[in-house]
Amino acid sequence: MTDTDENIYLRRYTSLPAVIYLLRQRAITLLDPESWDDSNDSHYLLLYREKKRLKTVLALCFTQVPETYHHWRVFAFGSSGVRIRFKRAELLRAIQGQPGLRQEEVKYRSLEEMRAGNVKIENLPFLKRQAFEDESEFRIIYESRKKRAKLDVPITLSCIDKITLSPWIDPDMFAEIEGVIKSIDGCRGLHIGHTSLINSKTWKKFGKQAT
C-alpha cells in the first residue's frame, strides 16, 4: 500500500500538542469551527446550526490525498507541525455509534453553481468554494441541541498508520520528539517518520544526474 491510496487513508494535519493529547486520551477531538481561517467555510457551519436550531456544531477535518506543500504550510506550519495518517476504514468503524456524528466528503462548488440555487440545509457543513478543491477534504461533524465547546470521540491507537513530523523540524530534534511520542503508554510501536518534502536527498540526486 502506498500513500496514494485515497480510499485507505485519512490524513490529519495538526500540531504536536494536539497529537500528544490524542495519543494520551485515545480520542479525536471535534472543535468549534468559528476560529477557522476560511470564514466562508465557518459561516456555512454557523448557518447550519442556526437553520437546524442547534446549540452546537463541531467539526474535524481530514484530507484524502498525499502530502502537499499547501497542507503543511496552511494546516501544520512550523517545527511543531505533524501529520497523522489514519487507516480510514478502521477510524470510521471506531466512531460508529457516537450520537450526533455525521461524516462526508466535502463537495466543491463554483459561484455559478451556487447561484443556480438548490442548496440544501443538510449539505451546508460539507460545501466549500471550488478554489479549495485540491484539499480533497473529508469532514466529521457533531451536532447537538445541547451546548458544548468540544467533543472527544474515543478511538484505538490501531487506527493510526503513521505519524509524520514537520518538514521544518531540525533533524537533530527528530529523535528526541520521536522518543517523547513513543514514551506515551501504548505508543512504542507507532511508526514515526520525518517528511523530506522540502529537503529530499533523492530529489537532489536526480538533479545531479542530469545530462
C-alpha atoms as a PDB file:
ATOM      1  CA  MET A   1       0.000   0.000   0.000  1.00  0.00           C
ATOM      2  CA  THR A   2       1.237   3.481  -0.843  1.00  0.00           C
ATOM      3  CA  ASP A   3       0.343   6.930   0.386  1.00  0.00           C
ATOM      4  CA  THR A   4      -1.617   7.457  -2.834  1.00  0.00           C
ATOM      5  CA  ASP A   5      -4.364   5.037  -1.814  1.00  0.00           C
ATOM      6  CA  GLU A   6      -7.138   7.585  -1.255  1.00  0.00           C
ATOM      7  CA  ASN A   7      -9.674   5.010  -0.067  1.00  0.00           C
ATOM      8  CA  ILE A   8      -7.266   3.552   2.509  1.00  0.00           C
ATOM      9  CA  TYR A   9      -6.119   6.608   4.461  1.00  0.00           C
ATOM     10  CA  LEU A  10      -7.409   9.803   6.009  1.00  0.00           C
ATOM     11  CA  ARG A  11      -4.759  12.358   6.902  1.00  0.00           C
ATOM     12  CA  ARG A  12      -4.956  14.996   9.622  1.00  0.00           C
ATOM     13  CA  TYR A  13      -2.526  17.934   9.694  1.00  0.00           C
ATOM     14  CA  THR A  14      -2.197  19.375  13.168  1.00  0.00           C
ATOM     15  CA  SER A  15       0.276  20.342  15.914  1.00  0.00           C
ATOM     16  CA  LEU A  16       2.485  18.297  18.225  1.00  0.00           C
ATOM     17  CA  PRO A  17       0.481  19.270  21.375  1.00  0.00           C
ATOM     18  CA  ALA A  18      -2.732  18.105  19.655  1.00  0.00           C
ATOM     19  CA  VAL A  19      -1.097  14.798  18.731  1.00  0.00           C
ATOM     20  CA  ILE A  20       0.100  14.215  22.290  1.00  0.00           C
ATOM     21  CA  TYR A  21      -3.425  14.940  23.549  1.00  0.00           C
ATOM     22  CA  LEU A  22      -4.897  12.490  21.028  1.00  0.00           C
ATOM     23  CA  LEU A  23      -2.456   9.745  21.982  1.00  0.00           C
ATOM     24  CA  ARG A  24      -2.887  10.205  25.729  1.00  0.00           C
ATOM     25  CA  GLN A  25      -6.682  10.483  25.589  1.00  0.00           C
ATOM     26  CA  ARG A  26      -7.140   7.850  22.859  1.00  0.00           C
ATOM     27  CA  ALA A  27      -9.602  10.201  21.171  1.00  0.00           C
ATOM     28  CA  ILE A  28     -10.087  12.503  18.210  1.00  0.00           C
ATOM     29  CA  THR A  29     -11.334  15.959  19.173  1.00  0.00           C
ATOM     30  CA  LEU A  30     -14.018  17.944  17.364  1.00  0.00           C
ATOM     31  CA  LEU A  31     -13.943  21.711  17.955  1.00  0.00           C
ATOM     32  CA  ASP A  32     -15.956  24.834  17.192  1.00  0.00           C
ATOM     33  CA  PRO A  33     -15.181  25.991  13.613  1.00  0.00           C
ATOM     34  CA  GLU A  34     -15.540  29.708  14.415  1.00  0.00           C
ATOM     35  CA  SER A  35     -11.741  30.138  14.529  1.00  0.00           C
ATOM     36  CA  TRP A  36     -11.174  28.672  11.041  1.00  0.00           C
ATOM     37  CA  ASP A  37      -9.150  30.766   8.607  1.00  0.00           C
ATOM     38  CA  ASP A  38     -11.746  30.378   5.839  1.00  0.00           C
ATOM     39  CA  SER A  39     -14.677  32.444   7.133  1.00  0.00           C
ATOM     40  CA  ASN A  40     -16.833  31.306   4.198  1.00  0.00           C
ATOM     41  CA  ASP A  41     -16.470  27.763   5.470  1.00  0.00           C
ATOM     42  CA  SER A  42     -17.170  28.518   9.132  1.00  0.00           C
ATOM     43  CA  HIS A  43     -20.111  30.729   8.097  1.00  0.00           C
ATOM     44  CA  TYR A  44     -21.839  27.770   6.443  1.00  0.00           C
ATOM     45  CA  LEU A  45     -21.490  25.712   9.615  1.00  0.00           C
ATOM     46  CA  LEU A  46     -22.922  28.618  11.618  1.00  0.00           C
ATOM     47  CA  LEU A  47     -25.827  28.876   9.169  1.00  0.00           C
ATOM     48  CA  TYR A  48     -26.405  25.134   9.501  1.00  0.00           C
ATOM     49  CA  ARG A  49     -26.525  25.468  13.295  1.00  0.00           C
ATOM     50  CA  GLU A  50     -28.981  28.342  13.090  1.00  0.00           C
ATOM     51  CA  LYS A  51     -31.241  26.819  10.451  1.00  0.00           C
ATOM     52  CA  LYS A  52     -31.362  23.490  12.305  1.00  0.00           C
ATOM     53  CA  ARG A  53     -31.888  25.309  15.633  1.00  0.00           C
ATOM     54  CA  LEU A  54     -28.949  23.560  17.212  1.00  0.00           C
ATOM     55  CA  LYS A  55     -26.862  24.716  20.159  1.00  0.00           C
ATOM     56  CA  THR A  56     -23.656  23.062  18.965  1.00  0.00           C
ATOM     57  CA  VAL A  57     -21.949  22.186  15.691  1.00  0.00           C
ATOM     58  CA  LEU A  58     -18.344  20.956  15.983  1.00  0.00           C
ATOM     59  CA  ALA A  59     -16.040  19.667  13.269  1.00  0.00           C
ATOM     60  CA  LEU A  60     -12.827  17.814  12.493  1.00  0.00           C
ATOM     61  CA  CYS A  61     -11.226  17.885   9.032  1.00  0.00           C
ATOM     62  CA  PHE A  62      -9.004  15.447   7.147  1.00  0.00           C
ATOM     63  CA  THR A  63      -7.565  15.259   3.650  1.00  0.00           C
ATOM     64  CA  GLN A  64      -7.881  12.224   1.405  1.00  0.00           C
ATOM     65  CA  VAL A  65      -4.770  12.902  -0.696  1.00  0.00           C
ATOM     66  CA  PRO A  66      -0.998  12.581  -0.167  1.00  0.00           C
ATOM     67  CA  GLU A  67       1.039  15.417   1.309  1.00  0.00           C
ATOM     68  CA  THR A  68       1.384  18.732  -0.455  1.00  0.00           C
ATOM     69  CA  TYR A  69       3.297  21.852   0.489  1.00  0.00           C
ATOM     70  CA  HIS A  70      -0.087  23.599   0.849  1.00  0.00           C
ATOM     71  CA  HIS A  71      -1.278  21.158   3.516  1.00  0.00           C
ATOM     72  CA  TRP A  72       1.849  21.604   5.602  1.00  0.00           C
ATOM     73  CA  ARG A  73       2.047  25.369   5.170  1.00  0.00           C
ATOM     74  CA  VAL A  74      -1.609  26.094   5.909  1.00  0.00           C
ATOM     75  CA  PHE A  75      -2.556  23.461   8.468  1.00  0.00           C
ATOM     76  CA  ALA A  76       0.681  22.405  10.169  1.00  0.00           C
ATOM     77  CA  PHE A  77       3.222  25.156   9.600  1.00  0.00           C
ATOM     78  CA  GLY A  78       6.400  25.368  11.656  1.00  0.00           C
ATOM     79  CA  SER A  79       8.567  22.908  13.528  1.00  0.00           C
ATOM     80  CA  SER A  80       5.660  21.617  15.665  1.00  0.00           C
ATOM     81  CA  GLY A  81       3.565  20.589  12.669  1.00  0.00           C
ATOM     82  CA  VAL A  82       2.510  16.933  12.446  1.00  0.00           C
ATOM     83  CA  ARG A  83       0.563  14.758  10.036  1.00  0.00           C
ATOM     84  CA  ILE A  84      -1.357  11.755  11.339  1.00  0.00           C
ATOM     85  CA  ARG A  85      -2.235   9.151   8.733  1.00  0.00           C
ATOM     86  CA  PHE A  86      -5.261   7.173   9.847  1.00  0.00           C
ATOM     87  CA  LYS A  87      -6.495   3.859   8.491  1.00  0.00           C
ATOM     88  CA  ARG A  88      -9.723   5.132   7.003  1.00  0.00           C
ATOM     89  CA  ALA A  89     -11.981   2.114   7.468  1.00  0.00           C
ATOM     90  CA  GLU A  90     -10.779   1.409  10.998  1.00  0.00           C
ATOM     91  CA  LEU A  91     -11.173   5.025  12.102  1.00  0.00           C
ATOM     92  CA  LEU A  92     -14.708   5.272  10.730  1.00  0.00           C
ATOM     93  CA  ARG A  93     -15.629   1.986  12.395  1.00  0.00           C
ATOM     94  CA  ALA A  94     -14.274   3.299  15.695  1.00  0.00           C
ATOM     95  CA  ILE A  95     -16.589   6.315  15.689  1.00  0.00           C
ATOM     96  CA  GLN A  96     -19.698   4.433  14.614  1.00  0.00           C
ATOM     97  CA  GLY A  97     -22.417   4.622  17.206  1.00  0.00           C
ATOM     98  CA  GLN A  98     -21.369   8.019  18.576  1.00  0.00           C
ATOM     99  CA  PRO A  99     -24.636  10.009  18.725  1.00  0.00           C
ATOM    100  CA  GLY A 100     -24.782  13.202  16.716  1.00  0.00           C
ATOM    101  CA  LEU A 101     -21.921  12.463  14.305  1.00  0.00           C
ATOM    102  CA  ARG A 102     -22.032  12.827  10.525  1.00  0.00           C
ATOM    103  CA  GLN A 103     -19.160  12.229   8.116  1.00  0.00           C
ATOM    104  CA  GLU A 104     -18.921  13.026   4.418  1.00  0.00           C
ATOM    105  CA  GLU A 105     -16.546  14.102   1.703  1.00  0.00           C
ATOM    106  CA  VAL A 106     -16.609  17.857   1.128  1.00  0.00           C
ATOM    107  CA  LYS A 107     -18.178  18.973  -2.154  1.00  0.00           C
ATOM    108  CA  TYR A 108     -16.585  21.899  -4.003  1.00  0.00           C
ATOM    109  CA  ARG A 109     -18.794  24.344  -5.879  1.00  0.00           C
ATOM    110  CA  SER A 110     -18.260  27.396  -8.082  1.00  0.00           C
ATOM    111  CA  LEU A 111     -20.127  30.662  -7.558  1.00  0.00           C
ATOM    112  CA  GLU A 112     -22.064  29.887 -10.734  1.00  0.00           C
ATOM    113  CA  GLU A 113     -23.210  26.554  -9.353  1.00  0.00           C
ATOM    114  CA  MET A 114     -24.255  28.159  -6.074  1.00  0.00           C
ATOM    115  CA  ARG A 115     -26.027  30.957  -7.922  1.00  0.00           C
ATOM    116  CA  ALA A 116     -28.189  28.341  -9.630  1.00  0.00           C
ATOM    117  CA  GLY A 117     -29.748  27.539  -6.249  1.00  0.00           C
ATOM    118  CA  ASN A 118     -30.915  24.156  -4.984  1.00  0.00           C
ATOM    119  CA  VAL A 119     -28.652  24.344  -1.931  1.00  0.00           C
ATOM    120  CA  LYS A 120     -29.980  22.078   0.810  1.00  0.00           C
ATOM    121  CA  ILE A 121     -29.567  22.877   4.502  1.00  0.00           C
ATOM    122  CA  GLU A 122     -28.292  19.339   5.131  1.00  0.00           C
ATOM    123  CA  ASN A 123     -25.406  19.929   2.728  1.00  0.00           C
ATOM    124  CA  LEU A 124     -24.141  23.205   4.235  1.00  0.00           C
ATOM    125  CA  PRO A 125     -21.482  21.624   6.523  1.00  0.00           C
ATOM    126  CA  PHE A 126     -19.926  19.843   3.536  1.00  0.00           C
ATOM    127  CA  LEU A 127     -19.747  22.629   0.933  1.00  0.00           C
ATOM    128  CA  LYS A 128     -16.685  24.726   0.062  1.00  0.00           C
ATOM    129  CA  ARG A 129     -15.641  27.033  -2.749  1.00  0.00           C
ATOM    130  CA  GLN A 130     -14.089  25.380  -5.782  1.00  0.00           C
ATOM    131  CA  ALA A 131     -10.753  27.132  -5.189  1.00  0.00           C
ATOM    132  CA  PHE A 132     -10.146  24.727  -2.273  1.00  0.00           C
ATOM    133  CA  GLU A 133     -10.789  21.599  -4.337  1.00  0.00           C
ATOM    134  CA  ASP A 134      -7.169  20.411  -4.174  1.00  0.00           C
ATOM    135  CA  GLU A 135      -7.578  19.903  -0.400  1.00  0.00           C
ATOM    136  CA  SER A 136      -9.853  16.886  -1.091  1.00  0.00           C
ATOM    137  CA  GLU A 137     -11.342  17.243   2.365  1.00  0.00           C
ATOM    138  CA  PHE A 138     -13.235  14.677   4.396  1.00  0.00           C
ATOM    139  CA  ARG A 139     -15.114  16.082   7.368  1.00  0.00           C
ATOM    140  CA  ILE A 140     -16.692  14.764  10.547  1.00  0.00           C
ATOM    141  CA  ILE A 141     -19.222  16.993  12.286  1.00  0.00           C
ATOM    142  CA  TYR A 142     -21.071  16.731  15.566  1.00  0.00           C
ATOM    143  CA  GLU A 143     -24.452  18.374  16.109  1.00  0.00           C
ATOM    144  CA  SER A 144     -26.457  18.714  19.302  1.00  0.00           C
ATOM    145  CA  ARG A 145     -29.272  20.712  20.873  1.00  0.00           C
ATOM    146  CA  LYS A 146     -27.102  20.992  23.980  1.00  0.00           C
ATOM    147  CA  LYS A 147     -24.241  23.472  24.302  1.00  0.00           C
ATOM    148  CA  ARG A 148     -20.678  22.151  24.403  1.00  0.00           C
ATOM    149  CA  ALA A 149     -17.276  23.525  23.424  1.00  0.00           C
ATOM    150  CA  LYS A 150     -15.645  20.294  22.208  1.00  0.00           C
ATOM    151  CA  LEU A 151     -16.182  16.574  21.844  1.00  0.00           C
ATOM    152  CA  ASP A 152     -13.649  13.803  22.370  1.00  0.00           C
ATOM    153  CA  VAL A 153     -14.577  10.668  20.419  1.00  0.00           C
ATOM    154  CA  PRO A 154     -12.766   7.527  21.636  1.00  0.00           C
ATOM    155  CA  ILE A 155     -10.623   5.595  19.160  1.00  0.00           C
ATOM    156  CA  THR A 156      -7.984   2.897  19.413  1.00  0.00           C
ATOM    157  CA  LEU A 157      -4.340   3.587  18.593  1.00  0.00           C
ATOM    158  CA  SER A 158      -4.529   0.855  15.960  1.00  0.00           C
ATOM    159  CA  CYS A 159      -6.450   3.394  13.830  1.00  0.00           C
ATOM    160  CA  ILE A 160      -3.161   5.251  13.311  1.00  0.00           C
ATOM    161  CA  ASP A 161      -0.981   4.052  10.432  1.00  0.00           C
ATOM    162  CA  LYS A 162       1.823   6.606  10.697  1.00  0.00           C
ATOM    163  CA  ILE A 163       2.807   9.910  12.311  1.00  0.00           C
ATOM    164  CA  THR A 164       4.984  12.238  10.224  1.00  0.00           C
ATOM    165  CA  LEU A 165       6.856  15.181  11.718  1.00  0.00           C
ATOM    166  CA  SER A 166       7.199  18.621  10.140  1.00  0.00           C
ATOM    167  CA  PRO A 167       9.464  19.325   7.158  1.00  0.00           C
ATOM    168  CA  TRP A 168      10.745  22.324   9.159  1.00  0.00           C
ATOM    169  CA  ILE A 169      11.841  20.396  12.243  1.00  0.00           C
ATOM    170  CA  ASP A 170      15.566  20.425  12.979  1.00  0.00           C
ATOM    171  CA  PRO A 171      16.864  16.931  12.068  1.00  0.00           C
ATOM    172  CA  ASP A 172      18.763  16.816  15.364  1.00  0.00           C
ATOM    173  CA  MET A 173      15.445  17.174  17.221  1.00  0.00           C
ATOM    174  CA  PHE A 174      13.702  14.333  15.413  1.00  0.00           C
ATOM    175  CA  ALA A 175      14.998  11.544  17.661  1.00  0.00           C
ATOM    176  CA  GLU A 176      14.001  13.477  20.796  1.00  0.00           C
ATOM    177  CA  ILE A 177      10.458  14.138  19.577  1.00  0.00           C
ATOM    178  CA  GLU A 178      10.131  10.545  18.380  1.00  0.00           C
ATOM    179  CA  GLY A 179      11.184   9.409  21.857  1.00  0.00           C
ATOM    180  CA  VAL A 180       8.596  11.644  23.528  1.00  0.00           C
ATOM    181  CA  ILE A 181       5.815  10.211  21.364  1.00  0.00           C
ATOM    182  CA  LYS A 182       6.908   6.605  21.843  1.00  0.00           C
ATOM    183  CA  SER A 183       7.144   7.108  25.617  1.00  0.00           C
ATOM    184  CA  ILE A 184       3.376   7.605  25.787  1.00  0.00           C
ATOM    185  CA  ASP A 185       1.656   4.490  27.081  1.00  0.00           C
ATOM    186  CA  GLY A 186       0.882   2.115  24.196  1.00  0.00           C
ATOM    187  CA  CYS A 187       2.773   4.150  21.578  1.00  0.00           C
ATOM    188  CA  ARG A 188       6.124   2.369  21.453  1.00  0.00           C
ATOM    189  CA  GLY A 189       5.177   0.551  18.258  1.00  0.00           C
ATOM    190  CA  LEU A 190       3.912   3.601  16.358  1.00  0.00           C
ATOM    191  CA  HIS A 191       5.562   4.342  13.034  1.00  0.00           C
ATOM    192  CA  ILE A 192       7.112   7.830  13.304  1.00  0.00           C
ATOM    193  CA  GLY A 193       8.602   9.462  10.220  1.00  0.00           C
ATOM    194  CA  HIS A 194      10.038  12.776   9.048  1.00  0.00           C
ATOM    195  CA  THR A 195       8.920  14.163   5.699  1.00  0.00           C
ATOM    196  CA  SER A 196      11.612  15.183   3.209  1.00  0.00           C
ATOM    197  CA  LEU A 197       9.161  17.239   1.152  1.00  0.00           C
ATOM    198  CA  ILE A 198      11.320  20.377   1.101  1.00  0.00           C
ATOM    199  CA  ASN A 199      14.736  18.727   1.553  1.00  0.00           C
ATOM    200  CA  SER A 200      14.921  15.439  -0.313  1.00  0.00           C
ATOM    201  CA  LYS A 201      18.311  13.841  -0.939  1.00  0.00           C
ATOM    202  CA  THR A 202      16.710  11.609  -3.577  1.00  0.00           C
ATOM    203  CA  TRP A 203      15.212  14.561  -5.462  1.00  0.00           C
ATOM    204  CA  LYS A 204      18.527  16.426  -5.344  1.00  0.00           C
ATOM    205  CA  LYS A 205      20.375  13.341  -6.590  1.00  0.00           C
ATOM    206  CA  PHE A 206      18.184  13.229  -9.713  1.00  0.00           C
ATOM    207  CA  GLY A 207      19.253  16.785 -10.497  1.00  0.00           C
ATOM    208  CA  LYS A 208      22.925  15.880 -10.240  1.00  0.00           C
ATOM    209  CA  GLN A 209      22.360  13.080 -12.738  1.00  0.00           C
ATOM    210  CA  ALA A 210      21.120  15.494 -15.389  1.00  0.00           C
ATOM    211  CA  THR A 211      22.987  15.212 -18.698  1.00  0.00           C
END
